[in-house]
Amino acid sequence: MATKKNTHKGLTLLKKNEKKYPTSPNKAKLETFKNSHPKRDYWIEFDCPEFTSICPITGQPDFGYISIQYIPDKLCLESKSLKLYMFAFRNHGAFHEEVVNRILDDLVKAISPREAIVLGEFNPRGGISINVEATHP
């Protein structure tokens, strides 16, 4: 039982019925836990079909689908902290390219995955949809 407790040490958001959402990605905390199979390569994928951010110029909302895929090394990303992190973009002004690259940079900083792909498929505005893919390494 002690091993399991140490595996989840540091997770603070999962236990709480969190009602306060971070107002920007800078204020959000990505929490992690130990990878139970660090010697094996396997993919973890998060799908965020209701992603929202704001255009930094017009202030209009941008809607899209974000997919995060990674092969963990020593750490895995905790999903509730990711949900709160993604909510933080709702009032954050950024172009699509910046959003996808910011998510990848923050993911790499938090867990140092062996490989990672972040894909953003944004709904059309003005008749043009934008898809952005960023990879690590």
C-alpha atoms as a PDB file:
ATOM      1  CA  MET A   1       0.000   0.000   0.000  1.00  0.00           C
ATOM      2  CA  ALA A   2       2.891   2.388   0.675  1.00  0.00           C
ATOM      3  CA  THR A   3       4.018   2.131  -2.953  1.00  0.00           C
ATOM      4  CA  LYS A   4       0.612   3.181  -4.234  1.00  0.00           C
ATOM      5  CA  LYS A   5       0.504   6.147  -1.867  1.00  0.00           C
ATOM      6  CA  ASN A   6       3.930   7.319  -3.062  1.00  0.00           C
ATOM      7  CA  THR A   7       2.852   6.862  -6.689  1.00  0.00           C
ATOM      8  CA  HIS A   8       0.088   9.430  -6.268  1.00  0.00           C
ATOM      9  CA  LYS A   9       1.924  11.803  -3.962  1.00  0.00           C
ATOM     10  CA  GLY A  10       1.433  15.410  -5.003  1.00  0.00           C
ATOM     11  CA  LEU A  11      -1.965  15.033  -6.680  1.00  0.00           C
ATOM     12  CA  THR A  12      -4.063  17.820  -5.192  1.00  0.00           C
ATOM     13  CA  LEU A  13      -6.795  18.555  -7.718  1.00  0.00           C
ATOM     14  CA  LEU A  14      -8.174  15.027  -8.153  1.00  0.00           C
ATOM     15  CA  LYS A  15      -9.483  14.850  -4.592  1.00  0.00           C
ATOM     16  CA  LYS A  16     -11.271  18.189  -4.718  1.00  0.00           C
ATOM     17  CA  ASN A  17     -14.616  19.141  -6.165  1.00  0.00           C
ATOM     18  CA  GLU A  18     -12.936  22.050  -7.917  1.00  0.00           C
ATOM     19  CA  LYS A  19     -15.218  24.983  -8.670  1.00  0.00           C
ATOM     20  CA  LYS A  20     -12.570  27.625  -9.388  1.00  0.00           C
ATOM     21  CA  TYR A  21     -11.158  27.490 -12.871  1.00  0.00           C
ATOM     22  CA  PRO A  22      -7.785  29.055 -13.673  1.00  0.00           C
ATOM     23  CA  THR A  23      -8.185  32.268 -15.652  1.00  0.00           C
ATOM     24  CA  SER A  24      -5.146  31.656 -17.866  1.00  0.00           C
ATOM     25  CA  PRO A  25      -2.797  28.789 -18.747  1.00  0.00           C
ATOM     26  CA  ASN A  26      -0.115  30.532 -16.657  1.00  0.00           C
ATOM     27  CA  LYS A  27      -2.268  30.044 -13.545  1.00  0.00           C
ATOM     28  CA  ALA A  28      -3.136  26.403 -14.292  1.00  0.00           C
ATOM     29  CA  LYS A  29      -1.207  23.513 -12.760  1.00  0.00           C
ATOM     30  CA  LEU A  30      -0.518  20.314 -14.686  1.00  0.00           C
ATOM     31  CA  GLU A  31      -0.214  17.539 -12.119  1.00  0.00           C
ATOM     32  CA  THR A  32       1.634  14.285 -12.705  1.00  0.00           C
ATOM     33  CA  PHE A  33       2.014  10.799 -11.305  1.00  0.00           C
ATOM     34  CA  LYS A  34       4.633   8.087 -11.710  1.00  0.00           C
ATOM     35  CA  ASN A  35       4.473   5.934 -14.824  1.00  0.00           C
ATOM     36  CA  SER A  36       3.768   2.366 -13.679  1.00  0.00           C
ATOM     37  CA  HIS A  37       5.433   0.917 -16.827  1.00  0.00           C
ATOM     38  CA  PRO A  38       8.473   3.137 -17.476  1.00  0.00           C
ATOM     39  CA  LYS A  39      10.368   0.457 -19.424  1.00  0.00           C
ATOM     40  CA  ARG A  40       7.620   0.079 -22.035  1.00  0.00           C
ATOM     41  CA  ASP A  41       6.719   2.419 -24.886  1.00  0.00           C
ATOM     42  CA  TYR A  42       2.964   2.964 -25.025  1.00  0.00           C
ATOM     43  CA  TRP A  43       0.802   5.849 -26.184  1.00  0.00           C
ATOM     44  CA  ILE A  44      -1.597   7.826 -24.028  1.00  0.00           C
ATOM     45  CA  GLU A  45      -4.165   9.986 -25.818  1.00  0.00           C
ATOM     46  CA  PHE A  46      -6.417  12.737 -24.517  1.00  0.00           C
ATOM     47  CA  ASP A  47      -9.232  14.035 -26.724  1.00  0.00           C
ATOM     48  CA  CYS A  48     -10.635  17.472 -25.988  1.00  0.00           C
ATOM     49  CA  PRO A  49     -13.569  17.917 -28.406  1.00  0.00           C
ATOM     50  CA  GLU A  50     -14.909  21.133 -26.832  1.00  0.00           C
ATOM     51  CA  PHE A  51     -11.793  23.307 -26.720  1.00  0.00           C
ATOM     52  CA  THR A  52     -12.358  27.062 -26.613  1.00  0.00           C
ATOM     53  CA  SER A  53     -10.011  30.015 -26.779  1.00  0.00           C
ATOM     54  CA  ILE A  54     -10.332  33.641 -27.867  1.00  0.00           C
ATOM     55  CA  CYS A  55      -8.921  35.416 -30.908  1.00  0.00           C
ATOM     56  CA  PRO A  56      -6.326  37.882 -29.567  1.00  0.00           C
ATOM     57  CA  ILE A  57      -7.348  40.530 -32.112  1.00  0.00           C
ATOM     58  CA  THR A  58     -11.148  40.355 -32.376  1.00  0.00           C
ATOM     59  CA  GLY A  59     -11.959  38.822 -28.991  1.00  0.00           C
ATOM     60  CA  GLN A  60     -14.283  36.352 -30.734  1.00  0.00           C
ATOM     61  CA  PRO A  61     -14.378  32.772 -29.458  1.00  0.00           C
ATOM     62  CA  ASP A  62     -12.563  30.044 -31.333  1.00  0.00           C
ATOM     63  CA  PHE A  63     -13.815  26.478 -31.011  1.00  0.00           C
ATOM     64  CA  GLY A  64     -11.926  23.338 -31.841  1.00  0.00           C
ATOM     65  CA  TYR A  65     -10.790  19.829 -31.098  1.00  0.00           C
ATOM     66  CA  ILE A  66      -7.452  19.211 -29.395  1.00  0.00           C
ATOM     67  CA  SER A  67      -5.765  15.798 -29.352  1.00  0.00           C
ATOM     68  CA  ILE A  68      -2.796  15.184 -27.076  1.00  0.00           C
ATOM     69  CA  GLN A  69      -0.808  11.978 -27.586  1.00  0.00           C
ATOM     70  CA  TYR A  70       2.374  11.029 -25.819  1.00  0.00           C
ATOM     71  CA  ILE A  71       4.672   8.185 -24.852  1.00  0.00           C
ATOM     72  CA  PRO A  72       5.435   8.702 -21.162  1.00  0.00           C
ATOM     73  CA  ASP A  73       8.872   8.341 -19.660  1.00  0.00           C
ATOM     74  CA  LYS A  74       8.938   8.570 -15.858  1.00  0.00           C
ATOM     75  CA  LEU A  75       5.742  10.599 -15.417  1.00  0.00           C
ATOM     76  CA  CYS A  76       2.150  10.617 -16.689  1.00  0.00           C
ATOM     77  CA  LEU A  77      -0.248  13.536 -16.873  1.00  0.00           C
ATOM     78  CA  GLU A  78      -3.233  13.531 -14.513  1.00  0.00           C
ATOM     79  CA  SER A  79      -6.456  14.107 -16.496  1.00  0.00           C
ATOM     80  CA  LYS A  80      -8.378  16.410 -14.127  1.00  0.00           C
ATOM     81  CA  SER A  81      -5.490  18.860 -13.989  1.00  0.00           C
ATOM     82  CA  LEU A  82      -5.400  18.721 -17.806  1.00  0.00           C
ATOM     83  CA  LYS A  83      -9.124  19.507 -17.934  1.00  0.00           C
ATOM     84  CA  LEU A  84      -8.653  22.566 -15.717  1.00  0.00           C
ATOM     85  CA  TYR A  85      -5.609  23.602 -17.766  1.00  0.00           C
ATOM     86  CA  MET A  86      -7.623  23.359 -20.990  1.00  0.00           C
ATOM     87  CA  PHE A  87     -10.476  25.386 -19.419  1.00  0.00           C
ATOM     88  CA  ALA A  88      -7.925  28.128 -18.738  1.00  0.00           C
ATOM     89  CA  PHE A  89      -7.737  28.888 -22.472  1.00  0.00           C
ATOM     90  CA  ARG A  90     -11.417  29.923 -22.590  1.00  0.00           C
ATOM     91  CA  ASN A  91     -10.584  33.525 -21.736  1.00  0.00           C
ATOM     92  CA  HIS A  92      -7.052  33.489 -23.111  1.00  0.00           C
ATOM     93  CA  GLY A  93      -6.326  35.346 -26.323  1.00  0.00           C
ATOM     94  CA  ALA A  94      -4.036  33.387 -28.651  1.00  0.00           C
ATOM     95  CA  PHE A  95      -3.778  32.365 -32.279  1.00  0.00           C
ATOM     96  CA  HIS A  96      -4.308  28.664 -33.054  1.00  0.00           C
ATOM     97  CA  GLU A  97      -0.624  28.090 -33.770  1.00  0.00           C
ATOM     98  CA  GLU A  98       0.315  29.582 -30.394  1.00  0.00           C
ATOM     99  CA  VAL A  99      -2.289  27.488 -28.549  1.00  0.00           C
ATOM    100  CA  VAL A 100      -1.076  24.148 -29.937  1.00  0.00           C
ATOM    101  CA  ASN A 101       2.601  24.938 -29.406  1.00  0.00           C
ATOM    102  CA  ARG A 102       1.919  26.266 -25.881  1.00  0.00           C
ATOM    103  CA  ILE A 103       0.115  23.042 -24.939  1.00  0.00           C
ATOM    104  CA  LEU A 104       3.033  20.960 -26.265  1.00  0.00           C
ATOM    105  CA  ASP A 105       5.619  23.121 -24.462  1.00  0.00           C
ATOM    106  CA  ASP A 106       3.719  22.896 -21.160  1.00  0.00           C
ATOM    107  CA  LEU A 107       3.270  19.122 -21.568  1.00  0.00           C
ATOM    108  CA  VAL A 108       6.987  18.614 -22.231  1.00  0.00           C
ATOM    109  CA  LYS A 109       7.888  20.830 -19.266  1.00  0.00           C
ATOM    110  CA  ALA A 110       5.553  18.887 -16.943  1.00  0.00           C
ATOM    111  CA  ILE A 111       6.366  15.268 -17.865  1.00  0.00           C
ATOM    112  CA  SER A 112       9.312  15.113 -20.318  1.00  0.00           C
ATOM    113  CA  PRO A 113       7.656  12.492 -22.552  1.00  0.00           C
ATOM    114  CA  ARG A 114       9.662  10.325 -24.926  1.00  0.00           C
ATOM    115  CA  GLU A 115       7.442  11.516 -27.774  1.00  0.00           C
ATOM    116  CA  ALA A 116       4.434  13.806 -27.981  1.00  0.00           C
ATOM    117  CA  ILE A 117       2.004  15.113 -30.581  1.00  0.00           C
ATOM    118  CA  VAL A 118      -0.532  17.881 -30.064  1.00  0.00           C
ATOM    119  CA  LEU A 119      -3.085  18.364 -32.830  1.00  0.00           C
ATOM    120  CA  GLY A 120      -5.539  21.240 -32.974  1.00  0.00           C
ATOM    121  CA  GLU A 121      -8.423  21.140 -35.454  1.00  0.00           C
ATOM    122  CA  PHE A 122     -10.211  24.480 -35.237  1.00  0.00           C
ATOM    123  CA  ASN A 123     -13.696  25.202 -36.520  1.00  0.00           C
ATOM    124  CA  PRO A 124     -13.974  27.470 -39.558  1.00  0.00           C
ATOM    125  CA  ARG A 125     -14.319  31.209 -39.148  1.00  0.00           C
ATOM    126  CA  GLY A 126     -14.659  33.253 -42.288  1.00  0.00           C
ATOM    127  CA  GLY A 127     -14.809  30.063 -44.349  1.00  0.00           C
ATOM    128  CA  ILE A 128     -11.359  28.780 -43.371  1.00  0.00           C
ATOM    129  CA  SER A 129     -10.541  26.086 -40.837  1.00  0.00           C
ATOM    130  CA  ILE A 130      -7.068  25.774 -39.382  1.00  0.00           C
ATOM    131  CA  ASN A 131      -5.335  22.556 -38.304  1.00  0.00           C
ATOM    132  CA  VAL A 132      -2.066  22.759 -36.394  1.00  0.00           C
ATOM    133  CA  GLU A 133       0.169  19.849 -35.343  1.00  0.00           C
ATOM    134  CA  ALA A 134       3.234  20.199 -33.104  1.00  0.00           C
ATOM    135  CA  THR A 135       5.564  17.326 -32.211  1.00  0.00           C
ATOM    136  CA  HIS A 136       8.253  16.500 -29.697  1.00  0.00           C
ATOM    137  CA  PRO A 137      11.103  15.767 -30.096  1.00  0.00           C
END
